[in-house]
Amino acid sequence: MPLTALDIAELRQRLTSGFGSIENEVLGEKASSLGHHGRQVENAIAALHAFDASPGAPEARLALVRTVAHEVWKFFVQREMCGLRDQKEVIRIYRIPNEVLARLGAM
């Protein structure tokens, strides 16, 4: 007896229905992680801007730049793991300083 289109659709539904909830949970975790890392970048950059508003020791600023670079690097890695490869818009939106990008190896 040949398979009908309805049989194929039913088989496809049975094969994929078990993964729908898992896929949704994975997507939710990805979104949550992106949001978390985005907030970390925002906080680190805000701390750097606050330091620049009332400058202190150069060593303290260098430590802040390193922290911002590390947070940006983690955010970029997370974005790439989610398939988001173009960072230009993120750099613009978050106003990531060039000195931070240089620490990441950006040209």
N, C-alpha and C. Protein backbone atom coordinates (compact mmCIF):
# COMPACT_ATOMS: atom_id res chain seq x y z
N MET A 1 0.85 -1.17 0.00
CA MET A 1 0.00 0.00 0.00
C MET A 1 0.89 1.24 0.00
N PRO A 2 0.76 2.13 -0.98
CA PRO A 2 1.59 3.32 -1.07
C PRO A 2 1.24 4.35 0.02
N LEU A 3 2.24 5.12 0.38
CA LEU A 3 2.03 6.18 1.37
C LEU A 3 1.35 7.37 0.71
N THR A 4 0.40 7.94 1.40
CA THR A 4 -0.26 9.14 0.91
C THR A 4 0.42 10.36 1.52
N ALA A 5 0.07 11.50 1.01
CA ALA A 5 0.60 12.75 1.56
C ALA A 5 0.21 12.90 3.02
N LEU A 6 -0.99 12.44 3.36
CA LEU A 6 -1.45 12.52 4.75
C LEU A 6 -0.60 11.61 5.65
N ASP A 7 -0.26 10.41 5.15
CA ASP A 7 0.59 9.49 5.91
C ASP A 7 1.97 10.11 6.16
N ILE A 8 2.53 10.71 5.14
CA ILE A 8 3.84 11.34 5.27
C ILE A 8 3.79 12.50 6.26
N ALA A 9 2.75 13.31 6.19
CA ALA A 9 2.60 14.44 7.12
C ALA A 9 2.47 13.94 8.55
N GLU A 10 1.71 12.87 8.75
CA GLU A 10 1.54 12.31 10.09
C GLU A 10 2.86 11.75 10.61
N LEU A 11 3.60 11.05 9.76
CA LEU A 11 4.90 10.51 10.15
C LEU A 11 5.88 11.62 10.51
N ARG A 12 5.90 12.67 9.70
CA ARG A 12 6.78 13.81 9.98
C ARG A 12 6.43 14.44 11.32
N GLN A 13 5.13 14.56 11.59
CA GLN A 13 4.69 15.15 12.85
C GLN A 13 5.14 14.30 14.03
N ARG A 14 5.03 12.99 13.91
CA ARG A 14 5.45 12.09 14.99
C ARG A 14 6.96 12.16 15.23
N LEU A 15 7.72 12.29 14.15
CA LEU A 15 9.17 12.32 14.28
C LEU A 15 9.68 13.62 14.90
N THR A 16 9.01 14.71 14.63
CA THR A 16 9.50 16.01 15.11
C THR A 16 8.80 16.51 16.36
N SER A 17 7.67 15.94 16.73
CA SER A 17 6.91 16.50 17.85
C SER A 17 7.66 16.41 19.18
N GLY A 18 8.48 15.40 19.35
CA GLY A 18 9.21 15.25 20.60
C GLY A 18 10.29 16.29 20.80
N PHE A 19 10.74 16.94 19.74
CA PHE A 19 11.83 17.89 19.84
C PHE A 19 11.36 19.33 19.97
N GLY A 20 10.11 19.60 19.69
CA GLY A 20 9.61 20.97 19.72
C GLY A 20 9.83 21.67 21.04
N SER A 21 9.49 21.01 22.13
CA SER A 21 9.63 21.65 23.45
C SER A 21 11.10 21.83 23.82
N ILE A 22 11.92 20.86 23.43
CA ILE A 22 13.36 20.97 23.72
C ILE A 22 13.96 22.12 22.91
N GLU A 23 13.60 22.22 21.64
CA GLU A 23 14.10 23.30 20.80
C GLU A 23 13.69 24.66 21.36
N ASN A 24 12.45 24.76 21.82
CA ASN A 24 11.98 26.02 22.40
C ASN A 24 12.77 26.38 23.65
N GLU A 25 13.07 25.37 24.47
CA GLU A 25 13.84 25.64 25.68
C GLU A 25 15.26 26.08 25.34
N VAL A 26 15.88 25.45 24.35
CA VAL A 26 17.23 25.83 23.93
C VAL A 26 17.23 27.26 23.40
N LEU A 27 16.25 27.61 22.59
CA LEU A 27 16.16 28.98 22.07
C LEU A 27 15.98 29.98 23.20
N GLY A 28 15.17 29.62 24.18
CA GLY A 28 14.99 30.50 25.34
C GLY A 28 16.28 30.71 26.11
N GLU A 29 17.05 29.65 26.27
CA GLU A 29 18.34 29.75 26.96
C GLU A 29 19.33 30.61 26.18
N LYS A 30 19.32 30.46 24.86
CA LYS A 30 20.19 31.29 24.03
C LYS A 30 19.83 32.76 24.18
N ALA A 31 18.54 33.06 24.13
CA ALA A 31 18.09 34.45 24.26
C ALA A 31 18.44 35.00 25.64
N SER A 32 18.26 34.19 26.66
CA SER A 32 18.59 34.62 28.02
C SER A 32 20.08 34.92 28.15
N SER A 33 20.89 34.05 27.59
CA SER A 33 22.34 34.23 27.67
C SER A 33 22.78 35.48 26.90
N LEU A 34 22.19 35.69 25.73
CA LEU A 34 22.53 36.91 24.96
C LEU A 34 22.16 38.15 25.75
N GLY A 35 20.99 38.14 26.37
CA GLY A 35 20.58 39.28 27.18
C GLY A 35 21.51 39.52 28.35
N HIS A 36 21.89 38.45 29.02
CA HIS A 36 22.81 38.55 30.16
C HIS A 36 24.14 39.16 29.72
N HIS A 37 24.72 38.64 28.65
CA HIS A 37 26.01 39.15 28.20
C HIS A 37 25.90 40.58 27.67
N GLY A 38 24.79 40.91 27.06
CA GLY A 38 24.57 42.29 26.61
C GLY A 38 24.53 43.25 27.78
N ARG A 39 23.86 42.85 28.86
CA ARG A 39 23.83 43.70 30.07
C ARG A 39 25.21 43.83 30.69
N GLN A 40 25.99 42.76 30.67
CA GLN A 40 27.35 42.82 31.20
C GLN A 40 28.20 43.83 30.41
N VAL A 41 28.03 43.83 29.10
CA VAL A 41 28.76 44.79 28.25
C VAL A 41 28.30 46.21 28.59
N GLU A 42 26.99 46.42 28.68
CA GLU A 42 26.47 47.75 29.01
C GLU A 42 27.03 48.25 30.34
N ASN A 43 27.03 47.39 31.34
CA ASN A 43 27.53 47.79 32.67
C ASN A 43 29.02 48.11 32.63
N ALA A 44 29.79 47.31 31.93
CA ALA A 44 31.24 47.54 31.86
C ALA A 44 31.54 48.84 31.13
N ILE A 45 30.84 49.09 30.02
CA ILE A 45 31.06 50.33 29.28
C ILE A 45 30.61 51.54 30.09
N ALA A 46 29.52 51.41 30.82
CA ALA A 46 29.05 52.51 31.68
C ALA A 46 30.09 52.83 32.75
N ALA A 47 30.71 51.79 33.31
CA ALA A 47 31.75 52.02 34.32
C ALA A 47 32.95 52.75 33.70
N LEU A 48 33.30 52.38 32.48
CA LEU A 48 34.42 53.05 31.80
C LEU A 48 34.08 54.52 31.52
N HIS A 49 32.85 54.78 31.05
CA HIS A 49 32.44 56.17 30.79
C HIS A 49 32.40 56.98 32.09
N ALA A 50 31.94 56.37 33.17
CA ALA A 50 31.91 57.06 34.46
C ALA A 50 33.32 57.39 34.93
N PHE A 51 34.25 56.47 34.72
CA PHE A 51 35.64 56.72 35.09
C PHE A 51 36.21 57.87 34.26
N ASP A 52 35.89 57.87 32.96
CA ASP A 52 36.41 58.93 32.08
C ASP A 52 35.83 60.30 32.44
N ALA A 53 34.63 60.33 33.03
CA ALA A 53 34.02 61.59 33.43
C ALA A 53 34.77 62.23 34.60
N SER A 54 35.34 61.41 35.46
CA SER A 54 36.16 61.92 36.56
C SER A 54 37.40 61.03 36.65
N PRO A 55 38.39 61.34 35.81
CA PRO A 55 39.56 60.45 35.68
C PRO A 55 40.29 60.20 36.98
N GLY A 56 40.87 59.01 37.01
CA GLY A 56 41.69 58.61 38.16
C GLY A 56 43.02 58.10 37.65
N ALA A 57 43.55 57.13 38.34
CA ALA A 57 44.85 56.56 37.98
C ALA A 57 44.79 55.84 36.64
N PRO A 58 45.82 56.01 35.83
CA PRO A 58 45.84 55.33 34.52
C PRO A 58 45.75 53.80 34.63
N GLU A 59 46.31 53.26 35.72
CA GLU A 59 46.25 51.81 35.90
C GLU A 59 44.81 51.34 36.11
N ALA A 60 44.04 52.15 36.83
CA ALA A 60 42.64 51.81 37.07
C ALA A 60 41.85 51.84 35.76
N ARG A 61 42.15 52.81 34.91
CA ARG A 61 41.46 52.88 33.62
C ARG A 61 41.83 51.69 32.75
N LEU A 62 43.09 51.32 32.76
CA LEU A 62 43.54 50.18 31.98
C LEU A 62 42.83 48.90 32.43
N ALA A 63 42.63 48.76 33.73
CA ALA A 63 41.90 47.60 34.26
C ALA A 63 40.46 47.61 33.76
N LEU A 64 39.85 48.79 33.73
CA LEU A 64 38.48 48.89 33.21
C LEU A 64 38.41 48.55 31.73
N VAL A 65 39.37 49.02 30.96
CA VAL A 65 39.40 48.71 29.53
C VAL A 65 39.53 47.20 29.33
N ARG A 66 40.36 46.57 30.12
CA ARG A 66 40.52 45.11 30.04
C ARG A 66 39.22 44.40 30.38
N THR A 67 38.53 44.90 31.39
CA THR A 67 37.25 44.31 31.79
C THR A 67 36.23 44.45 30.67
N VAL A 68 36.15 45.64 30.08
CA VAL A 68 35.21 45.87 28.98
C VAL A 68 35.55 44.93 27.82
N ALA A 69 36.83 44.82 27.49
CA ALA A 69 37.24 43.95 26.39
C ALA A 69 36.85 42.50 26.66
N HIS A 70 37.01 42.06 27.88
CA HIS A 70 36.65 40.68 28.22
C HIS A 70 35.15 40.46 28.10
N GLU A 71 34.35 41.42 28.58
CA GLU A 71 32.90 41.30 28.49
C GLU A 71 32.42 41.33 27.03
N VAL A 72 33.02 42.20 26.24
CA VAL A 72 32.66 42.29 24.82
C VAL A 72 33.04 40.99 24.12
N TRP A 73 34.20 40.45 24.43
CA TRP A 73 34.63 39.19 23.82
C TRP A 73 33.63 38.07 24.14
N LYS A 74 33.21 37.98 25.41
CA LYS A 74 32.24 36.94 25.78
C LYS A 74 30.92 37.13 25.03
N PHE A 75 30.49 38.39 24.88
CA PHE A 75 29.24 38.68 24.17
C PHE A 75 29.37 38.31 22.70
N PHE A 76 30.48 38.66 22.08
CA PHE A 76 30.69 38.31 20.67
C PHE A 76 30.71 36.80 20.48
N VAL A 77 31.36 36.07 21.37
CA VAL A 77 31.39 34.61 21.26
C VAL A 77 29.98 34.05 21.37
N GLN A 78 29.21 34.55 22.32
CA GLN A 78 27.84 34.07 22.49
C GLN A 78 27.00 34.37 21.25
N ARG A 79 27.17 35.55 20.69
CA ARG A 79 26.42 35.90 19.47
C ARG A 79 26.81 34.97 18.33
N GLU A 80 28.09 34.68 18.19
CA GLU A 80 28.53 33.79 17.12
C GLU A 80 27.99 32.38 17.32
N MET A 81 27.91 31.94 18.56
CA MET A 81 27.34 30.61 18.84
C MET A 81 25.86 30.56 18.46
N CYS A 82 25.21 31.70 18.44
CA CYS A 82 23.80 31.77 18.04
C CYS A 82 23.64 32.02 16.54
N GLY A 83 24.76 32.09 15.83
CA GLY A 83 24.70 32.29 14.38
C GLY A 83 24.71 33.75 13.96
N LEU A 84 24.93 34.66 14.90
CA LEU A 84 24.96 36.10 14.60
C LEU A 84 26.41 36.51 14.42
N ARG A 85 26.85 36.58 13.20
CA ARG A 85 28.28 36.78 12.93
C ARG A 85 28.69 38.24 12.73
N ASP A 86 27.78 39.08 12.30
CA ASP A 86 28.12 40.47 12.00
C ASP A 86 28.02 41.30 13.28
N GLN A 87 29.14 41.85 13.71
CA GLN A 87 29.18 42.59 14.97
C GLN A 87 29.10 44.10 14.77
N LYS A 88 29.07 44.57 13.52
CA LYS A 88 29.12 46.02 13.26
C LYS A 88 27.99 46.77 13.95
N GLU A 89 26.78 46.25 13.86
CA GLU A 89 25.64 46.93 14.46
C GLU A 89 25.74 46.95 15.98
N VAL A 90 26.22 45.87 16.55
CA VAL A 90 26.39 45.79 18.01
C VAL A 90 27.43 46.81 18.47
N ILE A 91 28.50 46.92 17.72
CA ILE A 91 29.55 47.89 18.05
C ILE A 91 28.97 49.31 18.06
N ARG A 92 28.11 49.60 17.09
CA ARG A 92 27.50 50.92 17.00
C ARG A 92 26.50 51.14 18.14
N ILE A 93 25.63 50.17 18.37
CA ILE A 93 24.58 50.32 19.38
C ILE A 93 25.17 50.46 20.79
N TYR A 94 26.14 49.63 21.12
CA TYR A 94 26.73 49.66 22.45
C TYR A 94 27.83 50.71 22.58
N ARG A 95 28.18 51.35 21.47
CA ARG A 95 29.23 52.38 21.46
C ARG A 95 30.52 51.83 22.06
N ILE A 96 30.94 50.68 21.54
CA ILE A 96 32.15 50.03 22.03
C ILE A 96 33.36 50.84 21.55
N PRO A 97 34.19 51.31 22.48
CA PRO A 97 35.34 52.14 22.11
C PRO A 97 36.34 51.39 21.23
N ASN A 98 37.01 52.14 20.36
CA ASN A 98 38.01 51.55 19.47
C ASN A 98 39.15 50.88 20.24
N GLU A 99 39.54 51.47 21.38
CA GLU A 99 40.63 50.87 22.14
C GLU A 99 40.23 49.49 22.67
N VAL A 100 38.95 49.28 22.94
CA VAL A 100 38.47 47.96 23.35
C VAL A 100 38.51 47.00 22.18
N LEU A 101 38.03 47.47 21.03
CA LEU A 101 38.04 46.63 19.83
C LEU A 101 39.47 46.25 19.43
N ALA A 102 40.40 47.17 19.62
CA ALA A 102 41.79 46.87 19.29
C ALA A 102 42.33 45.74 20.18
N ARG A 103 41.88 45.70 21.43
CA ARG A 103 42.30 44.61 22.33
C ARG A 103 41.74 43.26 21.88
N LEU A 104 40.64 43.31 21.13
CA LEU A 104 40.03 42.08 20.64
C LEU A 104 40.65 41.64 19.32
N GLY A 105 41.51 42.49 18.77
CA GLY A 105 42.14 42.16 17.49
C GLY A 105 41.37 42.69 16.29
N ALA A 106 40.38 43.53 16.52
CA ALA A 106 39.60 44.10 15.42
C ALA A 106 40.42 45.15 14.68
N MET A 107 40.17 45.23 13.39
CA MET A 107 40.87 46.23 12.58
C MET A 107 39.86 47.17 11.95
